[in-house]
Amino acid sequence: MEETSLLLLLLCVTSLLSCTTNQASLTVSPSSSQMFEGDSVSLSCEEDDSSAGWTLRRNTTTDTRTECGAGWGRSAGSVCNISYMVPWHSGVYWCESREGATSKSITISVTGGSVILQSPVLPVMEGHDVTLHCKTKTSSNLPAAFYKDGSFIRTEPAGHMTIRHVTRSDEGLYKCDITGHGESPPSWLTVTGQEVTFDFRSSFIQIFT
């Protein structure tokens, strides 16, 4: 029985190590899923193992799996800088290693319109607060009406709405409207569950005692 438990634990450890080795997370600065045409953005593959050779790639309506520096962006190691965003930069971005491992992908939307909704580009953990900002190119504190899945939520006088202690029910498609300026494109807010941790030390002690 103890041998079976030990084998299962070793298999679990091996599986987790294979999933966590040579991983990278994609970060975006500024952190927003929507951007104005003409904005600049920096995307970084934050690496656990720099020897893995992480590269930023994307899929858009005009290209597939192209890497930073190949006709778009300027590559500086694991960082990709785009100095002038245009609508055809809209698409899915991710980090990929030489061995083919990939990070979680993110979606960026670039609009030539006059209003955007700044929302988290990465999933929000359940229980955390999240703030959505409705802004124009020149102002980020104008009164704005907020909508979820097509239904009106409320109007915020300063142009930003905070959702306290988010749950899965808060996941959905959000947009905002500023009178006299227009409506933002819709943006999907993803809510993810709490992370699960595993105490390997305690498990080994329990098995061998």
C-alpha atoms as a PDB file:
ATOM      1  CA  MET A   1       0.000   0.000   0.000  1.00  0.00           C
ATOM      2  CA  GLU A   2       2.860   2.355   0.938  1.00  0.00           C
ATOM      3  CA  GLU A   3       4.673   1.501  -2.314  1.00  0.00           C
ATOM      4  CA  THR A   4       1.534   2.311  -4.299  1.00  0.00           C
ATOM      5  CA  SER A   5       1.125   5.633  -2.489  1.00  0.00           C
ATOM      6  CA  LEU A   6       4.773   6.488  -3.080  1.00  0.00           C
ATOM      7  CA  LEU A   7       4.485   5.641  -6.768  1.00  0.00           C
ATOM      8  CA  LEU A   8       1.384   7.812  -7.146  1.00  0.00           C
ATOM      9  CA  LEU A   9       3.136  10.699  -5.397  1.00  0.00           C
ATOM     10  CA  LEU A  10       6.216  10.373  -7.586  1.00  0.00           C
ATOM     11  CA  LEU A  11       4.037  10.340 -10.679  1.00  0.00           C
ATOM     12  CA  CYS A  12       2.282  13.469  -9.418  1.00  0.00           C
ATOM     13  CA  VAL A  13       5.612  15.193  -8.770  1.00  0.00           C
ATOM     14  CA  THR A  14       6.923  14.229 -12.195  1.00  0.00           C
ATOM     15  CA  SER A  15       3.764  15.485 -13.857  1.00  0.00           C
ATOM     16  CA  LEU A  16       3.863  18.808 -12.027  1.00  0.00           C
ATOM     17  CA  LEU A  17       7.550  19.304 -12.723  1.00  0.00           C
ATOM     18  CA  SER A  18       7.025  18.635 -16.414  1.00  0.00           C
ATOM     19  CA  CYS A  19       4.318  21.289 -16.428  1.00  0.00           C
ATOM     20  CA  THR A  20       6.258  23.901 -14.464  1.00  0.00           C
ATOM     21  CA  THR A  21       9.685  23.525 -16.024  1.00  0.00           C
ATOM     22  CA  ASN A  22      10.627  25.963 -18.736  1.00  0.00           C
ATOM     23  CA  GLN A  23       7.481  28.053 -18.330  1.00  0.00           C
ATOM     24  CA  ALA A  24       6.972  31.693 -19.181  1.00  0.00           C
ATOM     25  CA  SER A  25       4.217  34.170 -18.471  1.00  0.00           C
ATOM     26  CA  LEU A  26       3.283  36.950 -20.861  1.00  0.00           C
ATOM     27  CA  THR A  27       2.945  40.423 -19.363  1.00  0.00           C
ATOM     28  CA  VAL A  28       1.727  43.568 -21.113  1.00  0.00           C
ATOM     29  CA  SER A  29       2.524  47.185 -20.313  1.00  0.00           C
ATOM     30  CA  PRO A  30       0.257  49.069 -20.147  1.00  0.00           C
ATOM     31  CA  SER A  31      -1.919  46.214 -18.908  1.00  0.00           C
ATOM     32  CA  SER A  32      -5.071  46.587 -20.982  1.00  0.00           C
ATOM     33  CA  SER A  33      -6.942  44.369 -23.410  1.00  0.00           C
ATOM     34  CA  GLN A  34      -7.958  47.425 -25.489  1.00  0.00           C
ATOM     35  CA  MET A  35      -5.729  50.123 -26.945  1.00  0.00           C
ATOM     36  CA  PHE A  36      -6.054  53.168 -29.132  1.00  0.00           C
ATOM     37  CA  GLU A  37      -4.504  53.339 -32.570  1.00  0.00           C
ATOM     38  CA  GLY A  38      -1.152  55.065 -32.088  1.00  0.00           C
ATOM     39  CA  ASP A  39      -0.537  53.695 -28.575  1.00  0.00           C
ATOM     40  CA  SER A  40       2.747  51.969 -27.767  1.00  0.00           C
ATOM     41  CA  VAL A  41       2.960  48.675 -25.912  1.00  0.00           C
ATOM     42  CA  SER A  42       5.636  46.456 -24.415  1.00  0.00           C
ATOM     43  CA  LEU A  43       5.076  42.689 -24.207  1.00  0.00           C
ATOM     44  CA  SER A  44       7.424  40.570 -22.145  1.00  0.00           C
ATOM     45  CA  CYS A  45       7.959  36.831 -21.802  1.00  0.00           C
ATOM     46  CA  GLU A  46       8.903  36.537 -18.129  1.00  0.00           C
ATOM     47  CA  GLU A  47      10.922  33.358 -18.000  1.00  0.00           C
ATOM     48  CA  ASP A  48      11.602  30.680 -15.422  1.00  0.00           C
ATOM     49  CA  ASP A  49      14.397  29.417 -17.649  1.00  0.00           C
ATOM     50  CA  SER A  50      16.144  31.944 -19.891  1.00  0.00           C
ATOM     51  CA  SER A  51      17.879  29.117 -21.787  1.00  0.00           C
ATOM     52  CA  ALA A  52      14.531  28.037 -23.242  1.00  0.00           C
ATOM     53  CA  GLY A  53      14.697  30.860 -25.806  1.00  0.00           C
ATOM     54  CA  TRP A  54      11.213  32.307 -25.452  1.00  0.00           C
ATOM     55  CA  THR A  55       9.800  34.224 -28.404  1.00  0.00           C
ATOM     56  CA  LEU A  56       6.660  36.322 -28.653  1.00  0.00           C
ATOM     57  CA  ARG A  57       4.262  35.198 -31.380  1.00  0.00           C
ATOM     58  CA  ARG A  58       0.818  36.255 -32.525  1.00  0.00           C
ATOM     59  CA  ASN A  59      -2.179  35.401 -34.679  1.00  0.00           C
ATOM     60  CA  THR A  60      -4.057  38.245 -36.360  1.00  0.00           C
ATOM     61  CA  THR A  61      -6.307  38.608 -39.378  1.00  0.00           C
ATOM     62  CA  THR A  62      -3.197  39.209 -41.506  1.00  0.00           C
ATOM     63  CA  ASP A  63      -0.638  36.744 -40.114  1.00  0.00           C
ATOM     64  CA  THR A  64      -0.356  33.437 -38.267  1.00  0.00           C
ATOM     65  CA  ARG A  65       2.292  32.427 -35.698  1.00  0.00           C
ATOM     66  CA  THR A  66       4.607  35.243 -36.762  1.00  0.00           C
ATOM     67  CA  GLU A  67       7.256  36.249 -34.240  1.00  0.00           C
ATOM     68  CA  CYS A  68       8.158  39.688 -32.987  1.00  0.00           C
ATOM     69  CA  GLY A  69      10.606  41.400 -35.331  1.00  0.00           C
ATOM     70  CA  ALA A  70       9.345  39.570 -38.408  1.00  0.00           C
ATOM     71  CA  GLY A  71       7.485  42.476 -39.978  1.00  0.00           C
ATOM     72  CA  TRP A  72       6.107  43.832 -36.708  1.00  0.00           C
ATOM     73  CA  GLY A  73       7.496  44.961 -33.365  1.00  0.00           C
ATOM     74  CA  ARG A  74      11.075  45.347 -32.177  1.00  0.00           C
ATOM     75  CA  SER A  75      12.569  42.442 -30.267  1.00  0.00           C
ATOM     76  CA  ALA A  76      14.959  42.972 -27.350  1.00  0.00           C
ATOM     77  CA  GLY A  77      15.636  39.568 -25.832  1.00  0.00           C
ATOM     78  CA  SER A  78      12.387  38.300 -24.353  1.00  0.00           C
ATOM     79  CA  VAL A  79      10.730  41.733 -24.691  1.00  0.00           C
ATOM     80  CA  CYS A  80       8.796  42.945 -27.742  1.00  0.00           C
ATOM     81  CA  ASN A  81       8.090  46.648 -28.205  1.00  0.00           C
ATOM     82  CA  ILE A  82       5.451  47.966 -30.582  1.00  0.00           C
ATOM     83  CA  SER A  83       5.808  51.738 -30.879  1.00  0.00           C
ATOM     84  CA  TYR A  84       2.635  52.431 -32.864  1.00  0.00           C
ATOM     85  CA  MET A  85      -0.367  50.122 -32.534  1.00  0.00           C
ATOM     86  CA  VAL A  86      -2.790  49.916 -35.462  1.00  0.00           C
ATOM     87  CA  PRO A  87      -6.082  47.984 -35.778  1.00  0.00           C
ATOM     88  CA  TRP A  88      -4.479  45.105 -37.682  1.00  0.00           C
ATOM     89  CA  HIS A  89      -2.302  44.473 -34.601  1.00  0.00           C
ATOM     90  CA  SER A  90      -5.473  43.170 -32.938  1.00  0.00           C
ATOM     91  CA  GLY A  91      -5.158  39.467 -32.223  1.00  0.00           C
ATOM     92  CA  VAL A  92      -3.910  36.722 -29.926  1.00  0.00           C
ATOM     93  CA  TYR A  93      -0.393  36.920 -28.455  1.00  0.00           C
ATOM     94  CA  TRP A  94       1.641  34.294 -26.616  1.00  0.00           C
ATOM     95  CA  CYS A  95       5.190  33.227 -25.703  1.00  0.00           C
ATOM     96  CA  GLU A  96       6.709  30.129 -27.271  1.00  0.00           C
ATOM     97  CA  SER A  97       9.985  28.343 -26.537  1.00  0.00           C
ATOM     98  CA  ARG A  98      12.337  26.687 -29.003  1.00  0.00           C
ATOM     99  CA  GLU A  99      10.988  23.327 -27.809  1.00  0.00           C
ATOM    100  CA  GLY A 100       7.420  24.378 -28.571  1.00  0.00           C
ATOM    101  CA  ALA A 101       6.186  25.034 -25.019  1.00  0.00           C
ATOM    102  CA  THR A 102       3.722  27.921 -24.843  1.00  0.00           C
ATOM    103  CA  SER A 103       2.492  30.399 -22.265  1.00  0.00           C
ATOM    104  CA  LYS A 104      -1.144  31.301 -21.744  1.00  0.00           C
ATOM    105  CA  SER A 105      -2.333  33.515 -24.573  1.00  0.00           C
ATOM    106  CA  ILE A 106      -3.847  36.986 -24.323  1.00  0.00           C
ATOM    107  CA  THR A 107      -6.104  38.919 -26.672  1.00  0.00           C
ATOM    108  CA  ILE A 108      -5.429  42.559 -27.562  1.00  0.00           C
ATOM    109  CA  SER A 109      -7.895  44.757 -29.462  1.00  0.00           C
ATOM    110  CA  VAL A 110      -6.765  47.989 -31.152  1.00  0.00           C
ATOM    111  CA  THR A 111      -9.405  50.502 -32.165  1.00  0.00           C
ATOM    112  CA  GLY A 112      -9.399  53.578 -34.350  1.00  0.00           C
ATOM    113  CA  GLY A 113     -12.429  54.813 -32.398  1.00  0.00           C
ATOM    114  CA  SER A 114     -12.560  57.451 -29.693  1.00  0.00           C
ATOM    115  CA  VAL A 115     -13.386  55.334 -26.600  1.00  0.00           C
ATOM    116  CA  ILE A 116     -11.799  52.238 -25.056  1.00  0.00           C
ATOM    117  CA  LEU A 117     -12.542  50.125 -21.993  1.00  0.00           C
ATOM    118  CA  GLN A 118      -9.383  49.331 -20.065  1.00  0.00           C
ATOM    119  CA  SER A 119      -9.911  45.915 -18.485  1.00  0.00           C
ATOM    120  CA  PRO A 120      -7.448  43.277 -17.233  1.00  0.00           C
ATOM    121  CA  VAL A 121      -5.645  41.505 -20.023  1.00  0.00           C
ATOM    122  CA  LEU A 122      -5.163  38.436 -17.798  1.00  0.00           C
ATOM    123  CA  PRO A 123      -7.807  36.435 -15.883  1.00  0.00           C
ATOM    124  CA  VAL A 124      -8.881  37.850 -12.523  1.00  0.00           C
ATOM    125  CA  MET A 125      -8.775  35.572  -9.470  1.00  0.00           C
ATOM    126  CA  GLU A 126     -12.050  34.941  -7.660  1.00  0.00           C
ATOM    127  CA  GLY A 127     -12.346  37.117  -4.561  1.00  0.00           C
ATOM    128  CA  HIS A 128     -10.162  39.910  -5.934  1.00  0.00           C
ATOM    129  CA  ASP A 129     -11.350  43.405  -6.856  1.00  0.00           C
ATOM    130  CA  VAL A 130     -11.200  44.600 -10.459  1.00  0.00           C
ATOM    131  CA  THR A 131     -11.573  48.116 -11.844  1.00  0.00           C
ATOM    132  CA  LEU A 132     -12.708  48.890 -15.382  1.00  0.00           C
ATOM    133  CA  HIS A 133     -11.698  52.255 -16.853  1.00  0.00           C
ATOM    134  CA  CYS A 134     -13.631  53.958 -19.645  1.00  0.00           C
ATOM    135  CA  LYS A 135     -11.549  56.605 -21.374  1.00  0.00           C
ATOM    136  CA  THR A 136     -11.036  58.735 -24.432  1.00  0.00           C
ATOM    137  CA  LYS A 137      -7.676  59.567 -25.944  1.00  0.00           C
ATOM    138  CA  THR A 138      -7.560  62.790 -23.945  1.00  0.00           C
ATOM    139  CA  SER A 139      -9.441  62.014 -20.740  1.00  0.00           C
ATOM    140  CA  SER A 140      -9.917  59.119 -18.315  1.00  0.00           C
ATOM    141  CA  ASN A 141     -12.365  60.714 -15.859  1.00  0.00           C
ATOM    142  CA  LEU A 142     -15.482  61.533 -17.875  1.00  0.00           C
ATOM    143  CA  PRO A 143     -18.879  60.137 -16.792  1.00  0.00           C
ATOM    144  CA  ALA A 144     -19.388  56.736 -18.397  1.00  0.00           C
ATOM    145  CA  ALA A 145     -22.176  54.174 -18.611  1.00  0.00           C
ATOM    146  CA  PHE A 146     -21.120  50.539 -18.152  1.00  0.00           C
ATOM    147  CA  TYR A 147     -22.766  47.443 -19.652  1.00  0.00           C
ATOM    148  CA  LYS A 148     -22.356  43.688 -19.166  1.00  0.00           C
ATOM    149  CA  ASP A 149     -23.586  41.236 -21.795  1.00  0.00           C
ATOM    150  CA  GLY A 150     -25.631  44.039 -23.353  1.00  0.00           C
ATOM    151  CA  SER A 151     -27.407  45.020 -20.132  1.00  0.00           C
ATOM    152  CA  PHE A 152     -26.906  48.387 -18.452  1.00  0.00           C
ATOM    153  CA  ILE A 153     -25.123  48.210 -15.081  1.00  0.00           C
ATOM    154  CA  ARG A 154     -24.736  51.815 -13.935  1.00  0.00           C
ATOM    155  CA  THR A 155     -23.191  55.171 -14.767  1.00  0.00           C
ATOM    156  CA  GLU A 156     -19.996  56.168 -12.994  1.00  0.00           C
ATOM    157  CA  PRO A 157     -19.256  59.918 -12.754  1.00  0.00           C
ATOM    158  CA  ALA A 158     -15.458  59.491 -12.870  1.00  0.00           C
ATOM    159  CA  GLY A 159     -15.370  56.934 -15.694  1.00  0.00           C
ATOM    160  CA  HIS A 160     -14.216  53.915 -13.703  1.00  0.00           C
ATOM    161  CA  MET A 161     -16.202  51.055 -12.170  1.00  0.00           C
ATOM    162  CA  THR A 162     -14.890  48.705  -9.475  1.00  0.00           C
ATOM    163  CA  ILE A 163     -16.299  45.210  -9.019  1.00  0.00           C
ATOM    164  CA  ARG A 164     -15.628  44.001  -5.478  1.00  0.00           C
ATOM    165  CA  HIS A 165     -14.733  40.388  -4.720  1.00  0.00           C
ATOM    166  CA  VAL A 166     -15.377  39.049  -8.208  1.00  0.00           C
ATOM    167  CA  THR A 167     -17.011  35.664  -8.718  1.00  0.00           C
ATOM    168  CA  ARG A 168     -17.594  33.531 -11.792  1.00  0.00           C
ATOM    169  CA  SER A 169     -20.924  35.296 -12.256  1.00  0.00           C
ATOM    170  CA  ASP A 170     -19.000  38.515 -13.004  1.00  0.00           C
ATOM    171  CA  GLU A 171     -17.376  36.901 -16.036  1.00  0.00           C
ATOM    172  CA  GLY A 172     -18.746  38.282 -19.278  1.00  0.00           C
ATOM    173  CA  LEU A 173     -18.609  40.834 -22.067  1.00  0.00           C
ATOM    174  CA  TYR A 174     -18.264  44.433 -20.888  1.00  0.00           C
ATOM    175  CA  LYS A 175     -18.393  47.743 -22.715  1.00  0.00           C
ATOM    176  CA  CYS A 176     -18.832  51.402 -21.840  1.00  0.00           C
ATOM    177  CA  ASP A 177     -20.267  54.563 -23.375  1.00  0.00           C
ATOM    178  CA  ILE A 178     -19.262  58.202 -22.924  1.00  0.00           C
ATOM    179  CA  THR A 179     -21.908  60.679 -24.041  1.00  0.00           C
ATOM    180  CA  GLY A 180     -20.681  62.787 -26.934  1.00  0.00           C
ATOM    181  CA  HIS A 181     -17.688  60.549 -27.603  1.00  0.00           C
ATOM    182  CA  GLY A 182     -19.086  57.130 -28.353  1.00  0.00           C
ATOM    183  CA  GLU A 183     -18.975  53.513 -27.253  1.00  0.00           C
ATOM    184  CA  SER A 184     -16.004  51.272 -26.593  1.00  0.00           C
ATOM    185  CA  PRO A 185     -15.529  47.905 -28.286  1.00  0.00           C
ATOM    186  CA  PRO A 186     -16.680  44.984 -26.089  1.00  0.00           C
ATOM    187  CA  SER A 187     -14.089  43.327 -23.837  1.00  0.00           C
ATOM    188  CA  TRP A 188     -14.322  39.886 -22.244  1.00  0.00           C
ATOM    189  CA  LEU A 189     -13.527  39.669 -18.523  1.00  0.00           C
ATOM    190  CA  THR A 190     -12.293  36.239 -17.437  1.00  0.00           C
ATOM    191  CA  VAL A 191     -12.576  35.114 -13.808  1.00  0.00           C
ATOM    192  CA  THR A 192     -10.567  32.125 -12.637  1.00  0.00           C
ATOM    193  CA  GLY A 193     -10.820  29.970  -9.502  1.00  0.00           C
ATOM    194  CA  GLN A 194      -8.506  30.006  -6.530  1.00  0.00           C
ATOM    195  CA  GLU A 195      -5.131  28.345  -7.020  1.00  0.00           C
ATOM    196  CA  VAL A 196      -4.664  24.922  -5.428  1.00  0.00           C
ATOM    197  CA  THR A 197      -1.394  24.245  -3.606  1.00  0.00           C
ATOM    198  CA  PHE A 198       0.096  20.871  -2.686  1.00  0.00           C
ATOM    199  CA  ASP A 199       2.418  20.293   0.288  1.00  0.00           C
ATOM    200  CA  PHE A 200       4.947  17.736  -0.971  1.00  0.00           C
ATOM    201  CA  ARG A 201       6.947  17.761   2.276  1.00  0.00           C
ATOM    202  CA  SER A 202       3.928  16.825   4.401  1.00  0.00           C
ATOM    203  CA  SER A 203       2.904  14.141   1.899  1.00  0.00           C
ATOM    204  CA  PHE A 204       6.341  12.501   1.983  1.00  0.00           C
ATOM    205  CA  ILE A 205       6.367  12.611   5.796  1.00  0.00           C
ATOM    206  CA  GLN A 206       2.939  10.978   5.977  1.00  0.00           C
ATOM    207  CA  ILE A 207       3.984   8.198   3.595  1.00  0.00           C
ATOM    208  CA  PHE A 208       7.236   7.289   5.349  1.00  0.00           C
ATOM    209  CA  THR A 209       5.853   7.470   8.918  1.00  0.00           C
END
